[in-house]
Amino acid sequence: LSIEGIVFTMYDGRTNLSSQVVENVKANVDVRVYDTVIPRNIRL
């Protein structure tokens, strides 16, 4: 078993918080973080 990776969901590019969370996780975990982020989206 391995860790496939982390994918960020409900990303809101208008807030500093979303990008801070991404950077925080990248700095604290030693696993793959997917480049693709899933945005907050009404249709979803």
Full PDB file with SEQRES, HELIX, SHEET, SSBOND, CRYST1, ORIGX, SCALE, CONECT and MASTER records, all heavy atoms in Angstrom:
SEQRES   1 A   44  LEU SER ILE GLU GLY ILE VAL PHE THR MET TYR ASP GLY          
SEQRES   2 A   44  ARG THR ASN LEU SER SER GLN VAL VAL GLU ASN VAL LYS          
SEQRES   3 A   44  ALA ASN VAL ASP VAL ARG VAL TYR ASP THR VAL ILE PRO          
SEQRES   4 A   44  ARG ASN ILE ARG LEU                                          
HELIX    1 AA1 ASN A   16  ASN A   28  1                                  13    
SHEET    1 AA1 2 ILE A   6  TYR A  11  0                                        
SHEET    2 AA1 2 VAL A  33  PRO A  39  1                                        
CRYST1    1.000    1.000    1.000  90.00  90.00  90.00 P 1           1          
ORIGX1      1.000000  0.000000  0.000000        0.00000                         
ORIGX2      0.000000  1.000000  0.000000        0.00000                         
ORIGX3      0.000000  0.000000  1.000000        0.00000                         
SCALE1      1.000000  0.000000  0.000000        0.00000                         
SCALE2      0.000000  1.000000  0.000000        0.00000                         
SCALE3      0.000000  0.000000  1.000000        0.00000                         
ATOM      1  N   LEU A   1       0.832  -1.207   0.000  1.00  0.00           N  
ATOM      2  CA  LEU A   1       0.000   0.000   0.000  1.00  0.00           C  
ATOM      3  C   LEU A   1       0.868   1.258   0.000  1.00  0.00           C  
ATOM      4  O   LEU A   1       1.850   1.341   0.728  1.00  0.00           O  
ATOM      5  CB  LEU A   1      -0.912   0.001   1.237  1.00  0.00           C  
ATOM      6  CG  LEU A   1      -1.937   1.139   1.323  1.00  0.00           C  
ATOM      7  CD1 LEU A   1      -2.983   1.008   0.226  1.00  0.00           C  
ATOM      8  CD2 LEU A   1      -2.608   1.164   2.699  1.00  0.00           C  
ATOM      9  N   SER A   2       0.488   2.235  -0.814  1.00  0.00           N  
ATOM     10  CA  SER A   2       1.212   3.506  -0.830  1.00  0.00           C  
ATOM     11  C   SER A   2       0.190   4.648  -0.818  1.00  0.00           C  
ATOM     12  O   SER A   2      -1.009   4.417  -0.956  1.00  0.00           O  
ATOM     13  CB  SER A   2       2.087   3.613  -2.080  1.00  0.00           C  
ATOM     14  OG  SER A   2       1.281   3.618  -3.235  1.00  0.00           O  
ATOM     15  N   ILE A   3       0.690   5.861  -0.657  1.00  0.00           N  
ATOM     16  CA  ILE A   3      -0.202   7.020  -0.735  1.00  0.00           C  
ATOM     17  C   ILE A   3      -0.145   7.558  -2.158  1.00  0.00           C  
ATOM     18  O   ILE A   3       0.909   7.960  -2.638  1.00  0.00           O  
ATOM     19  CB  ILE A   3       0.191   8.094   0.298  1.00  0.00           C  
ATOM     20  CG1 ILE A   3       0.023   7.533   1.716  1.00  0.00           C  
ATOM     21  CG2 ILE A   3      -0.673   9.347   0.116  1.00  0.00           C  
ATOM     22  CD1 ILE A   3       0.501   8.437   2.813  1.00  0.00           C  
ATOM     23  N   GLU A   4      -1.277   7.495  -2.837  1.00  0.00           N  
ATOM     24  CA  GLU A   4      -1.385   7.984  -4.215  1.00  0.00           C  
ATOM     25  C   GLU A   4      -1.086   9.479  -4.253  1.00  0.00           C  
ATOM     26  O   GLU A   4      -0.397   9.962  -5.139  1.00  0.00           O  
ATOM     27  CB  GLU A   4      -2.806   7.707  -4.741  1.00  0.00           C  
ATOM     28  CG  GLU A   4      -3.061   8.136  -6.152  1.00  0.00           C  
ATOM     29  CD  GLU A   4      -2.348   7.250  -7.160  1.00  0.00           C  
ATOM     30  OE1 GLU A   4      -2.125   6.060  -6.874  1.00  0.00           O  
ATOM     31  OE2 GLU A   4      -2.007   7.760  -8.227  1.00  0.00           O  
ATOM     32  N   GLY A   5      -1.630  10.179  -3.265  1.00  0.00           N  
ATOM     33  CA  GLY A   5      -1.393  11.614  -3.190  1.00  0.00           C  
ATOM     34  C   GLY A   5      -2.545  12.329  -2.508  1.00  0.00           C  
ATOM     35  O   GLY A   5      -3.524  11.721  -2.078  1.00  0.00           O  
ATOM     36  N   ILE A   6      -2.388  13.637  -2.405  1.00  0.00           N  
ATOM     37  CA  ILE A   6      -3.395  14.503  -1.794  1.00  0.00           C  
ATOM     38  C   ILE A   6      -3.976  15.387  -2.889  1.00  0.00           C  
ATOM     39  O   ILE A   6      -3.239  15.924  -3.724  1.00  0.00           O  
ATOM     40  CB  ILE A   6      -2.760  15.363  -0.684  1.00  0.00           C  
ATOM     41  CG1 ILE A   6      -2.391  14.487   0.515  1.00  0.00           C  
ATOM     42  CG2 ILE A   6      -3.678  16.500  -0.259  1.00  0.00           C  
ATOM     43  CD1 ILE A   6      -1.548  15.184   1.564  1.00  0.00           C  
ATOM     44  N   VAL A   7      -5.302  15.517  -2.894  1.00  0.00           N  
ATOM     45  CA  VAL A   7      -5.941  16.430  -3.844  1.00  0.00           C  
ATOM     46  C   VAL A   7      -6.767  17.449  -3.042  1.00  0.00           C  
ATOM     47  O   VAL A   7      -7.522  17.073  -2.149  1.00  0.00           O  
ATOM     48  CB  VAL A   7      -6.806  15.679  -4.883  1.00  0.00           C  
ATOM     49  CG1 VAL A   7      -7.898  14.846  -4.234  1.00  0.00           C  
ATOM     50  CG2 VAL A   7      -7.424  16.661  -5.875  1.00  0.00           C  
ATOM     51  N   PHE A   8      -6.581  18.713  -3.354  1.00  0.00           N  
ATOM     52  CA  PHE A   8      -7.310  19.765  -2.640  1.00  0.00           C  
ATOM     53  C   PHE A   8      -8.661  20.005  -3.295  1.00  0.00           C  
ATOM     54  O   PHE A   8      -8.764  20.119  -4.524  1.00  0.00           O  
ATOM     55  CB  PHE A   8      -6.497  21.060  -2.628  1.00  0.00           C  
ATOM     56  CG  PHE A   8      -5.327  20.997  -1.693  1.00  0.00           C  
ATOM     57  CD1 PHE A   8      -4.054  20.731  -2.173  1.00  0.00           C  
ATOM     58  CD2 PHE A   8      -5.500  21.141  -0.325  1.00  0.00           C  
ATOM     59  CE1 PHE A   8      -2.976  20.650  -1.319  1.00  0.00           C  
ATOM     60  CE2 PHE A   8      -4.427  21.056   0.541  1.00  0.00           C  
ATOM     61  CZ  PHE A   8      -3.162  20.805   0.048  1.00  0.00           C  
ATOM     62  N   THR A   9      -9.688  20.096  -2.457  1.00  0.00           N  
ATOM     63  CA  THR A   9     -11.050  20.318  -2.937  1.00  0.00           C  
ATOM     64  C   THR A   9     -11.578  21.634  -2.366  1.00  0.00           C  
ATOM     65  O   THR A   9     -11.026  22.167  -1.404  1.00  0.00           O  
ATOM     66  CB  THR A   9     -11.979  19.167  -2.505  1.00  0.00           C  
ATOM     67  OG1 THR A   9     -12.018  19.129  -1.072  1.00  0.00           O  
ATOM     68  CG2 THR A   9     -11.498  17.828  -3.034  1.00  0.00           C  
ATOM     69  N   MET A  10     -12.665  22.114  -2.962  1.00  0.00           N  
ATOM     70  CA  MET A  10     -13.336  23.340  -2.499  1.00  0.00           C  
ATOM     71  C   MET A  10     -12.366  24.517  -2.414  1.00  0.00           C  
ATOM     72  O   MET A  10     -12.370  25.293  -1.466  1.00  0.00           O  
ATOM     73  CB  MET A  10     -14.022  23.089  -1.144  1.00  0.00           C  
ATOM     74  CG  MET A  10     -14.993  21.920  -1.215  1.00  0.00           C  
ATOM     75  SD  MET A  10     -15.779  21.562   0.354  1.00  0.00           S  
ATOM     76  CE  MET A  10     -16.132  19.823   0.142  1.00  0.00           C  
ATOM     77  N   TYR A  11     -11.513  24.606  -3.422  1.00  0.00           N  
ATOM     78  CA  TYR A  11     -10.496  25.671  -3.481  1.00  0.00           C  
ATOM     79  C   TYR A  11     -11.149  26.962  -3.939  1.00  0.00           C  
ATOM     80  O   TYR A  11     -11.851  26.990  -4.947  1.00  0.00           O  
ATOM     81  CB  TYR A  11      -9.387  25.265  -4.450  1.00  0.00           C  
ATOM     82  CG  TYR A  11      -8.233  26.230  -4.520  1.00  0.00           C  
ATOM     83  CD1 TYR A  11      -7.145  26.103  -3.666  1.00  0.00           C  
ATOM     84  CD2 TYR A  11      -8.237  27.275  -5.451  1.00  0.00           C  
ATOM     85  CE1 TYR A  11      -6.081  26.995  -3.736  1.00  0.00           C  
ATOM     86  CE2 TYR A  11      -7.179  28.157  -5.525  1.00  0.00           C  
ATOM     87  CZ  TYR A  11      -6.106  28.019  -4.668  1.00  0.00           C  
ATOM     88  OH  TYR A  11      -5.055  28.900  -4.728  1.00  0.00           O  
ATOM     89  N   ASP A  12     -10.911  28.020  -3.203  1.00  0.00           N  
ATOM     90  CA  ASP A  12     -11.449  29.336  -3.561  1.00  0.00           C  
ATOM     91  C   ASP A  12     -10.278  30.276  -3.825  1.00  0.00           C  
ATOM     92  O   ASP A  12      -9.620  30.749  -2.889  1.00  0.00           O  
ATOM     93  CB  ASP A  12     -12.328  29.879  -2.427  1.00  0.00           C  
ATOM     94  CG  ASP A  12     -13.072  31.150  -2.841  1.00  0.00           C  
ATOM     95  OD1 ASP A  12     -12.678  31.769  -3.848  1.00  0.00           O  
ATOM     96  OD2 ASP A  12     -14.045  31.515  -2.154  1.00  0.00           O  
ATOM     97  N   GLY A  13     -10.009  30.534  -5.092  1.00  0.00           N  
ATOM     98  CA  GLY A  13      -8.857  31.349  -5.477  1.00  0.00           C  
ATOM     99  C   GLY A  13      -8.952  32.794  -5.033  1.00  0.00           C  
ATOM    100  O   GLY A  13      -7.961  33.533  -5.073  1.00  0.00           O  
ATOM    101  N   ARG A  14     -10.153  33.228  -4.590  1.00  0.00           N  
ATOM    102  CA  ARG A  14     -10.316  34.630  -4.172  1.00  0.00           C  
ATOM    103  C   ARG A  14      -9.823  34.870  -2.750  1.00  0.00           C  
ATOM    104  O   ARG A  14      -9.714  36.006  -2.307  1.00  0.00           O  
ATOM    105  CB  ARG A  14     -11.794  35.021  -4.261  1.00  0.00           C  
ATOM    106  CG  ARG A  14     -12.381  34.934  -5.669  1.00  0.00           C  
ATOM    107  CD  ARG A  14     -13.888  35.018  -5.648  1.00  0.00           C  
ATOM    108  NE  ARG A  14     -14.457  33.978  -4.780  1.00  0.00           N  
ATOM    109  CZ  ARG A  14     -15.750  33.873  -4.499  1.00  0.00           C  
ATOM    110  NH1 ARG A  14     -16.609  34.742  -5.000  1.00  0.00           N  
ATOM    111  NH2 ARG A  14     -16.191  32.901  -3.719  1.00  0.00           N  
ATOM    112  N   THR A  15      -9.574  33.788  -2.007  1.00  0.00           N  
ATOM    113  CA  THR A  15      -9.166  33.962  -0.613  1.00  0.00           C  
ATOM    114  C   THR A  15      -7.702  33.576  -0.415  1.00  0.00           C  
ATOM    115  O   THR A  15      -7.186  32.686  -1.081  1.00  0.00           O  
ATOM    116  CB  THR A  15     -10.029  33.076   0.320  1.00  0.00           C  
ATOM    117  OG1 THR A  15      -9.718  31.700   0.063  1.00  0.00           O  
ATOM    118  CG2 THR A  15     -11.510  33.310   0.092  1.00  0.00           C  
ATOM    119  N   ASN A  16      -7.070  34.261   0.527  1.00  0.00           N  
ATOM    120  CA  ASN A  16      -5.703  33.897   0.891  1.00  0.00           C  
ATOM    121  C   ASN A  16      -5.671  32.542   1.576  1.00  0.00           C  
ATOM    122  O   ASN A  16      -4.685  31.813   1.489  1.00  0.00           O  
ATOM    123  CB  ASN A  16      -5.096  34.946   1.831  1.00  0.00           C  
ATOM    124  CG  ASN A  16      -4.764  36.220   1.091  1.00  0.00           C  
ATOM    125  OD1 ASN A  16      -4.504  36.183  -0.102  1.00  0.00           O  
ATOM    126  ND2 ASN A  16      -4.795  37.342   1.797  1.00  0.00           N  
ATOM    127  N   LEU A  17      -6.776  32.223   2.285  1.00  0.00           N  
ATOM    128  CA  LEU A  17      -6.798  31.006   3.098  1.00  0.00           C  
ATOM    129  C   LEU A  17      -6.531  29.762   2.261  1.00  0.00           C  
ATOM    130  O   LEU A  17      -5.722  28.910   2.633  1.00  0.00           O  
ATOM    131  CB  LEU A  17      -8.143  30.870   3.823  1.00  0.00           C  
ATOM    132  CG  LEU A  17      -8.303  29.618   4.692  1.00  0.00           C  
ATOM    133  CD1 LEU A  17      -7.266  29.619   5.823  1.00  0.00           C  
ATOM    134  CD2 LEU A  17      -9.699  29.518   5.265  1.00  0.00           C  
ATOM    135  N   SER A  18      -7.185  29.662   1.106  1.00  0.00           N  
ATOM    136  CA  SER A  18      -7.022  28.459   0.275  1.00  0.00           C  
ATOM    137  C   SER A  18      -5.564  28.240  -0.098  1.00  0.00           C  
ATOM    138  O   SER A  18      -5.028  27.134   0.035  1.00  0.00           O  
ATOM    139  CB  SER A  18      -7.880  28.560  -0.988  1.00  0.00           C  
ATOM    140  OG  SER A  18      -9.224  28.252  -0.699  1.00  0.00           O  
ATOM    141  N   SER A  19      -4.887  29.301  -0.557  1.00  0.00           N  
ATOM    142  CA  SER A  19      -3.490  29.132  -0.962  1.00  0.00           C  
ATOM    143  C   SER A  19      -2.588  28.881   0.242  1.00  0.00           C  
ATOM    144  O   SER A  19      -1.615  28.134   0.154  1.00  0.00           O  
ATOM    145  CB  SER A  19      -3.012  30.346  -1.763  1.00  0.00           C  
ATOM    146  OG  SER A  19      -3.264  31.537  -1.057  1.00  0.00           O  
ATOM    147  N   GLN A  20      -2.941  29.470   1.397  1.00  0.00           N  
ATOM    148  CA  GLN A  20      -2.156  29.231   2.618  1.00  0.00           C  
ATOM    149  C   GLN A  20      -2.258  27.767   3.050  1.00  0.00           C  
ATOM    150  O   GLN A  20      -1.275  27.156   3.461  1.00  0.00           O  
ATOM    151  CB  GLN A  20      -2.640  30.142   3.751  1.00  0.00           C  
ATOM    152  CG  GLN A  20      -2.178  31.583   3.603  1.00  0.00           C  
ATOM    153  CD  GLN A  20      -2.875  32.525   4.583  1.00  0.00           C  
ATOM    154  OE1 GLN A  20      -3.708  32.095   5.384  1.00  0.00           O  
ATOM    155  NE2 GLN A  20      -2.554  33.802   4.495  1.00  0.00           N  
ATOM    156  N   VAL A  21      -3.484  27.219   2.940  1.00  0.00           N  
ATOM    157  CA  VAL A  21      -3.696  25.821   3.323  1.00  0.00           C  
ATOM    158  C   VAL A  21      -2.868  24.900   2.426  1.00  0.00           C  
ATOM    159  O   VAL A  21      -2.200  23.976   2.899  1.00  0.00           O  
ATOM    160  CB  VAL A  21      -5.202  25.439   3.242  1.00  0.00           C  
ATOM    161  CG1 VAL A  21      -5.396  23.936   3.348  1.00  0.00           C  
ATOM    162  CG2 VAL A  21      -5.990  26.140   4.342  1.00  0.00           C  
ATOM    163  N   VAL A  22      -2.884  25.167   1.126  1.00  0.00           N  
ATOM    164  CA  VAL A  22      -2.115  24.350   0.183  1.00  0.00           C  
ATOM    165  C   VAL A  22      -0.626  24.395   0.540  1.00  0.00           C  
ATOM    166  O   VAL A  22       0.039  23.350   0.629  1.00  0.00           O  
ATOM    167  CB  VAL A  22      -2.344  24.834  -1.273  1.00  0.00           C  
ATOM    168  CG1 VAL A  22      -1.382  24.128  -2.226  1.00  0.00           C  
ATOM    169  CG2 VAL A  22      -3.794  24.576  -1.696  1.00  0.00           C  
ATOM    170  N   GLU A  23      -0.113  25.581   0.767  1.00  0.00           N  
ATOM    171  CA  GLU A  23       1.315  25.718   1.095  1.00  0.00           C  
ATOM    172  C   GLU A  23       1.643  25.040   2.422  1.00  0.00           C  
ATOM    173  O   GLU A  23       2.695  24.412   2.578  1.00  0.00           O  
ATOM    174  CB  GLU A  23       1.707  27.203   1.151  1.00  0.00           C  
ATOM    175  CG  GLU A  23       1.666  27.909  -0.197  1.00  0.00           C  
ATOM    176  CD  GLU A  23       2.385  27.136  -1.297  1.00  0.00           C  
ATOM    177  OE1 GLU A  23       3.517  26.665  -1.065  1.00  0.00           O  
ATOM    178  OE2 GLU A  23       1.805  26.986  -2.387  1.00  0.00           O  
ATOM    179  N   ASN A  24       0.738  25.163   3.392  1.00  0.00           N  
ATOM    180  CA  ASN A  24       0.931  24.573   4.714  1.00  0.00           C  
ATOM    181  C   ASN A  24       1.020  23.050   4.627  1.00  0.00           C  
ATOM    182  O   ASN A  24       1.909  22.427   5.215  1.00  0.00           O  
ATOM    183  CB  ASN A  24      -0.229  24.989   5.634  1.00  0.00           C  
ATOM    184  CG  ASN A  24       0.041  24.658   7.082  1.00  0.00           C  
ATOM    185  OD1 ASN A  24       1.178  24.395   7.471  1.00  0.00           O  
ATOM    186  ND2 ASN A  24      -1.003  24.664   7.888  1.00  0.00           N  
ATOM    187  N   VAL A  25       0.105  22.458   3.877  1.00  0.00           N  
ATOM    188  CA  VAL A  25       0.112  21.001   3.734  1.00  0.00           C  
ATOM    189  C   VAL A  25       1.367  20.547   2.986  1.00  0.00           C  
ATOM    190  O   VAL A  25       2.038  19.596   3.393  1.00  0.00           O  
ATOM    191  CB  VAL A  25      -1.168  20.508   3.022  1.00  0.00           C  
ATOM    192  CG1 VAL A  25      -1.059  19.035   2.661  1.00  0.00           C  
ATOM    193  CG2 VAL A  25      -2.391  20.738   3.910  1.00  0.00           C  
ATOM    194  N   LYS A  26       1.715  21.249   1.905  1.00  0.00           N  
ATOM    195  CA  LYS A  26       2.915  20.880   1.144  1.00  0.00           C  
ATOM    196  C   LYS A  26       4.165  20.924   2.019  1.00  0.00           C  
ATOM    197  O   LYS A  26       5.080  20.114   1.865  1.00  0.00           O  
ATOM    198  CB  LYS A  26       3.090  21.821  -0.052  1.00  0.00           C  
ATOM    199  CG  LYS A  26       2.166  21.517  -1.221  1.00  0.00           C  
ATOM    200  CD  LYS A  26       2.426  22.482  -2.375  1.00  0.00           C  
ATOM    201  CE  LYS A  26       1.561  22.124  -3.571  1.00  0.00           C  
ATOM    202  NZ  LYS A  26       1.728  23.089  -4.675  1.00  0.00           N  
ATOM    203  N   ALA A  27       4.191  21.876   2.947  1.00  0.00           N  
ATOM    204  CA  ALA A  27       5.365  22.038   3.809  1.00  0.00           C  
ATOM    205  C   ALA A  27       5.424  20.980   4.900  1.00  0.00           C  
ATOM    206  O   ALA A  27       6.493  20.712   5.453  1.00  0.00           O  
ATOM    207  CB  ALA A  27       5.341  23.428   4.447  1.00  0.00           C  
ATOM    208  N   ASN A  28       4.276  20.372   5.211  1.00  0.00           N  
ATOM    209  CA  ASN A  28       4.225  19.475   6.369  1.00  0.00           C  
ATOM    210  C   ASN A  28       4.069  17.999   6.045  1.00  0.00           C  
ATOM    211  O   ASN A  28       4.138  17.163   6.946  1.00  0.00           O  
ATOM    212  CB  ASN A  28       3.081  19.903   7.305  1.00  0.00           C  
ATOM    213  CG  ASN A  28       3.450  21.127   8.116  1.00  0.00           C  
ATOM    214  OD1 ASN A  28       4.181  21.042   9.086  1.00  0.00           O  
ATOM    215  ND2 ASN A  28       2.956  22.284   7.696  1.00  0.00           N  
ATOM    216  N   VAL A  29       3.819  17.655   4.794  1.00  0.00           N  
ATOM    217  CA  VAL A  29       3.687  16.232   4.451  1.00  0.00           C  
ATOM    218  C   VAL A  29       4.683  15.862   3.365  1.00  0.00           C  
ATOM    219  O   VAL A  29       4.997  16.678   2.494  1.00  0.00           O  
ATOM    220  CB  VAL A  29       2.253  15.858   4.000  1.00  0.00           C  
ATOM    221  CG1 VAL A  29       1.247  16.092   5.108  1.00  0.00           C  
ATOM    222  CG2 VAL A  29       1.849  16.620   2.753  1.00  0.00           C  
ATOM    223  N   ASP A  30       5.142  14.654   3.441  1.00  0.00           N  
ATOM    224  CA  ASP A  30       6.163  14.190   2.503  1.00  0.00           C  
ATOM    225  C   ASP A  30       5.549  13.218   1.499  1.00  0.00           C  
ATOM    226  O   ASP A  30       6.037  12.126   1.299  1.00  0.00           O  
ATOM    227  CB  ASP A  30       7.298  13.511   3.290  1.00  0.00           C  
ATOM    228  CG  ASP A  30       8.487  13.202   2.387  1.00  0.00           C  
ATOM    229  OD1 ASP A  30       8.634  13.896   1.359  1.00  0.00           O  
ATOM    230  OD2 ASP A  30       9.237  12.258   2.689  1.00  0.00           O  
ATOM    231  N   VAL A  31       4.421  13.614   0.922  1.00  0.00           N  
ATOM    232  CA  VAL A  31       3.762  12.779  -0.088  1.00  0.00           C  
ATOM    233  C   VAL A  31       3.401  13.654  -1.279  1.00  0.00           C  
ATOM    234  O   VAL A  31       3.432  14.886  -1.203  1.00  0.00           O  
ATOM    235  CB  VAL A  31       2.484  12.093   0.457  1.00  0.00           C  
ATOM    236  CG1 VAL A  31       2.805  11.164   1.607  1.00  0.00           C  
ATOM    237  CG2 VAL A  31       1.443  13.116   0.882  1.00  0.00           C  
ATOM    238  N   ARG A  32       3.033  13.001  -2.367  1.00  0.00           N  
ATOM    239  CA  ARG A  32       2.674  13.738  -3.586  1.00  0.00           C  
ATOM    240  C   ARG A  32       1.423  14.593  -3.344  1.00  0.00           C  
ATOM    241  O   ARG A  32       0.434  14.139  -2.777  1.00  0.00           O  
ATOM    242  CB  ARG A  32       2.386  12.728  -4.698  1.00  0.00           C  
ATOM    243  CG  ARG A  32       1.929  13.389  -5.989  1.00  0.00           C  
ATOM    244  CD  ARG A  32       1.553  12.345  -7.033  1.00  0.00           C  
ATOM    245  NE  ARG A  32       1.238  12.978  -8.304  1.00  0.00           N  
ATOM    246  CZ  ARG A  32       0.852  12.310  -9.380  1.00  0.00           C  
ATOM    247  NH1 ARG A  32       0.743  11.008  -9.337  1.00  0.00           N  
ATOM    248  NH2 ARG A  32       0.579  12.941 -10.494  1.00  0.00           N  
ATOM    249  N   VAL A  33       1.489  15.829  -3.782  1.00  0.00           N  
ATOM    250  CA  VAL A  33       0.309  16.694  -3.783  1.00  0.00           C  
ATOM    251  C   VAL A  33      -0.011  16.994  -5.250  1.00  0.00           C  
ATOM    252  O   VAL A  33       0.838  17.496  -5.989  1.00  0.00           O  
ATOM    253  CB  VAL A  33       0.567  18.005  -3.005  1.00  0.00           C  
ATOM    254  CG1 VAL A  33      -0.648  18.918  -3.097  1.00  0.00           C  
ATOM    255  CG2 VAL A  33       0.892  17.705  -1.541  1.00  0.00           C  
ATOM    256  N   TYR A  34      -1.219  16.656  -5.675  1.00  0.00           N  
ATOM    257  CA  TYR A  34      -1.591  16.862  -7.072  1.00  0.00           C  
ATOM    258  C   TYR A  34      -1.607  18.346  -7.425  1.00  0.00           C  
ATOM    259  O   TYR A  34      -2.030  19.175  -6.624  1.00  0.00           O  
ATOM    260  CB  TYR A  34      -2.959  16.232  -7.363  1.00  0.00           C  
ATOM    261  CG  TYR A  34      -2.876  14.749  -7.631  1.00  0.00           C  
ATOM    262  CD1 TYR A  34      -2.983  13.822  -6.604  1.00  0.00           C  
ATOM    263  CD2 TYR A  34      -2.657  14.271  -8.921  1.00  0.00           C  
ATOM    264  CE1 TYR A  34      -2.879  12.463  -6.845  1.00  0.00           C  
ATOM    265  CE2 TYR A  34      -2.551  12.917  -9.177  1.00  0.00           C  
ATOM    266  CZ  TYR A  34      -2.665  12.018  -8.136  1.00  0.00           C  
ATOM    267  OH  TYR A  34      -2.546  10.680  -8.378  1.00  0.00           O  
ATOM    268  N   ASP A  35      -1.137  18.659  -8.619  1.00  0.00           N  
ATOM    269  CA  ASP A  35      -1.151  20.042  -9.094  1.00  0.00           C  
ATOM    270  C   ASP A  35      -2.588  20.529  -9.293  1.00  0.00           C  
ATOM    271  O   ASP A  35      -2.895  21.696  -9.065  1.00  0.00           O  
ATOM    272  CB  ASP A  35      -0.395  20.162 -10.431  1.00  0.00           C  
ATOM    273  CG  ASP A  35       1.096  19.902 -10.265  1.00  0.00           C  
ATOM    274  OD1 ASP A  35       1.627  20.169  -9.161  1.00  0.00           O  
ATOM    275  OD2 ASP A  35       1.730  19.422 -11.222  1.00  0.00           O  
ATOM    276  N   THR A  36      -3.441  19.622  -9.738  1.00  0.00           N  
ATOM    277  CA  THR A  36      -4.844  19.983  -9.974  1.00  0.00           C  
ATOM    278  C   THR A  36      -5.542  20.256  -8.651  1.00  0.00           C  
ATOM    279  O   THR A  36      -5.457  19.458  -7.722  1.00  0.00           O  
ATOM    280  CB  THR A  36      -5.583  18.842 -10.695  1.00  0.00           C  
ATOM    281  OG1 THR A  36      -4.869  18.498 -11.881  1.00  0.00           O  
ATOM    282  CG2 THR A  36      -7.003  19.235 -11.047  1.00  0.00           C  
ATOM    283  N   VAL A  37      -6.240  21.377  -8.561  1.00  0.00           N  
ATOM    284  CA  VAL A  37      -7.087  21.646  -7.394  1.00  0.00           C  
ATOM    285  C   VAL A  37      -8.532  21.729  -7.875  1.00  0.00           C  
ATOM    286  O   VAL A  37      -8.801  22.162  -8.990  1.00  0.00           O  
ATOM    287  CB  VAL A  37      -6.684  22.946  -6.658  1.00  0.00           C  
ATOM    288  CG1 VAL A  37      -5.319  22.809  -6.013  1.00  0.00           C  
ATOM    289  CG2 VAL A  37      -6.731  24.145  -7.586  1.00  0.00           C  
ATOM    290  N   ILE A  38      -9.435  21.265  -7.023  1.00  0.00           N  
ATOM    291  CA  ILE A  38     -10.857  21.248  -7.378  1.00  0.00           C  
ATOM    292  C   ILE A  38     -11.511  22.498  -6.786  1.00  0.00           C  
ATOM    293  O   ILE A  38     -11.490  22.698  -5.571  1.00  0.00           O  
ATOM    294  CB  ILE A  38     -11.555  19.986  -6.823  1.00  0.00           C  
ATOM    295  CG1 ILE A  38     -10.766  18.713  -7.196  1.00  0.00           C  
ATOM    296  CG2 ILE A  38     -12.991  19.922  -7.323  1.00  0.00           C  
ATOM    297  CD1 ILE A  38     -10.557  18.472  -8.674  1.00  0.00           C  
ATOM    298  N   PRO A  39     -12.069  23.348  -7.626  1.00  0.00           N  
ATOM    299  CA  PRO A  39     -12.607  24.623  -7.119  1.00  0.00           C  
ATOM    300  C   PRO A  39     -13.955  24.453  -6.419  1.00  0.00           C  
ATOM    301  O   PRO A  39     -14.644  23.455  -6.611  1.00  0.00           O  
ATOM    302  CB  PRO A  39     -12.780  25.446  -8.399  1.00  0.00           C  
ATOM    303  CG  PRO A  39     -13.071  24.416  -9.453  1.00  0.00           C  
ATOM    304  CD  PRO A  39     -12.259  23.201  -9.078  1.00  0.00           C  
ATOM    305  N   ARG A  40     -14.291  25.434  -5.604  1.00  0.00           N  
ATOM    306  CA  ARG A  40     -15.679  25.537  -5.132  1.00  0.00           C  
ATOM    307  C   ARG A  40     -16.531  25.819  -6.370  1.00  0.00           C  
ATOM    308  O   ARG A  40     -16.226  26.726  -7.141  1.00  0.00           O  
ATOM    309  CB  ARG A  40     -15.837  26.698  -4.152  1.00  0.00           C  
ATOM    310  CG  ARG A  40     -15.433  26.363  -2.757  1.00  0.00           C  
ATOM    311  CD  ARG A  40     -15.954  27.374  -1.771  1.00  0.00           C  
ATOM    312  NE  ARG A  40     -15.511  27.038  -0.433  1.00  0.00           N  
ATOM    313  CZ  ARG A  40     -16.088  26.139   0.357  1.00  0.00           C  
ATOM    314  NH1 ARG A  40     -17.164  25.484  -0.070  1.00  0.00           N  
ATOM    315  NH2 ARG A  40     -15.609  25.881   1.546  1.00  0.00           N  
ATOM    316  N   ASN A  41     -17.608  25.060  -6.540  1.00  0.00           N  
ATOM    317  CA  ASN A  41     -18.350  25.166  -7.790  1.00  0.00           C  
ATOM    318  C   ASN A  41     -19.792  24.748  -7.550  1.00  0.00           C  
ATOM    319  O   ASN A  41     -20.056  23.636  -7.090  1.00  0.00           O  
ATOM    320  CB  ASN A  41     -17.665  24.263  -8.835  1.00  0.00           C  
ATOM    321  CG  ASN A  41     -18.267  24.383 -10.214  1.00  0.00           C  
ATOM    322  OD1 ASN A  41     -19.081  23.562 -10.605  1.00  0.00           O  
ATOM    323  ND2 ASN A  41     -17.869  25.393 -10.967  1.00  0.00           N  
ATOM    324  N   ILE A  42     -20.713  25.651  -7.838  1.00  0.00           N  
ATOM    325  CA  ILE A  42     -22.141  25.392  -7.597  1.00  0.00           C  
ATOM    326  C   ILE A  42     -22.609  24.156  -8.364  1.00  0.00           C  
ATOM    327  O   ILE A  42     -23.322  23.306  -7.846  1.00  0.00           O  
ATOM    328  CB  ILE A  42     -23.004  26.604  -8.044  1.00  0.00           C  
ATOM    329  CG1 ILE A  42     -22.614  27.864  -7.271  1.00  0.00           C  
ATOM    330  CG2 ILE A  42     -24.494  26.292  -7.856  1.00  0.00           C  
ATOM    331  CD1 ILE A  42     -22.963  27.863  -5.820  1.00  0.00           C  
ATOM    332  N   ARG A  43     -22.172  24.039  -9.619  1.00  0.00           N  
ATOM    333  CA  ARG A  43     -22.607  22.917 -10.452  1.00  0.00           C  
ATOM    334  C   ARG A  43     -22.142  21.581  -9.876  1.00  0.00           C  
ATOM    335  O   ARG A  43     -22.855  20.579  -9.931  1.00  0.00           O  
ATOM    336  CB  ARG A  43     -22.072  23.081 -11.877  1.00  0.00           C  
ATOM    337  CG  ARG A  43     -22.632  24.317 -12.588  1.00  0.00           C  
ATOM    338  CD  ARG A  43     -24.097  24.087 -12.969  1.00  0.00           C  
ATOM    339  NE  ARG A  43     -24.661  25.242 -13.646  1.00  0.00           N  
ATOM    340  CZ  ARG A  43     -25.521  26.091 -13.090  1.00  0.00           C  
ATOM    341  NH1 ARG A  43     -25.885  25.942 -11.825  1.00  0.00           N  
ATOM    342  NH2 ARG A  43     -26.019  27.092 -13.772  1.00  0.00           N  
ATOM    343  N   LEU A  44     -20.924  21.557  -9.325  1.00  0.00           N  
ATOM    344  CA  LEU A  44     -20.420  20.333  -8.681  1.00  0.00           C  
ATOM    345  C   LEU A  44     -21.322  19.916  -7.535  1.00  0.00           C  
ATOM    346  O   LEU A  44     -21.574  18.733  -7.319  1.00  0.00           O  
ATOM    347  CB  LEU A  44     -19.001  20.570  -8.133  1.00  0.00           C  
ATOM    348  CG  LEU A  44     -17.802  20.185  -8.985  1.00  0.00           C  
ATOM    349  CD1 LEU A  44     -16.521  20.505  -8.236  1.00  0.00           C  
ATOM    350  CD2 LEU A  44     -17.839  18.712  -9.374  1.00  0.00           C  
TER     351      LEU A  44                                                      
MASTER        0    0    0    1    2    0    0    6  350    1    0    4          
END                                                                             
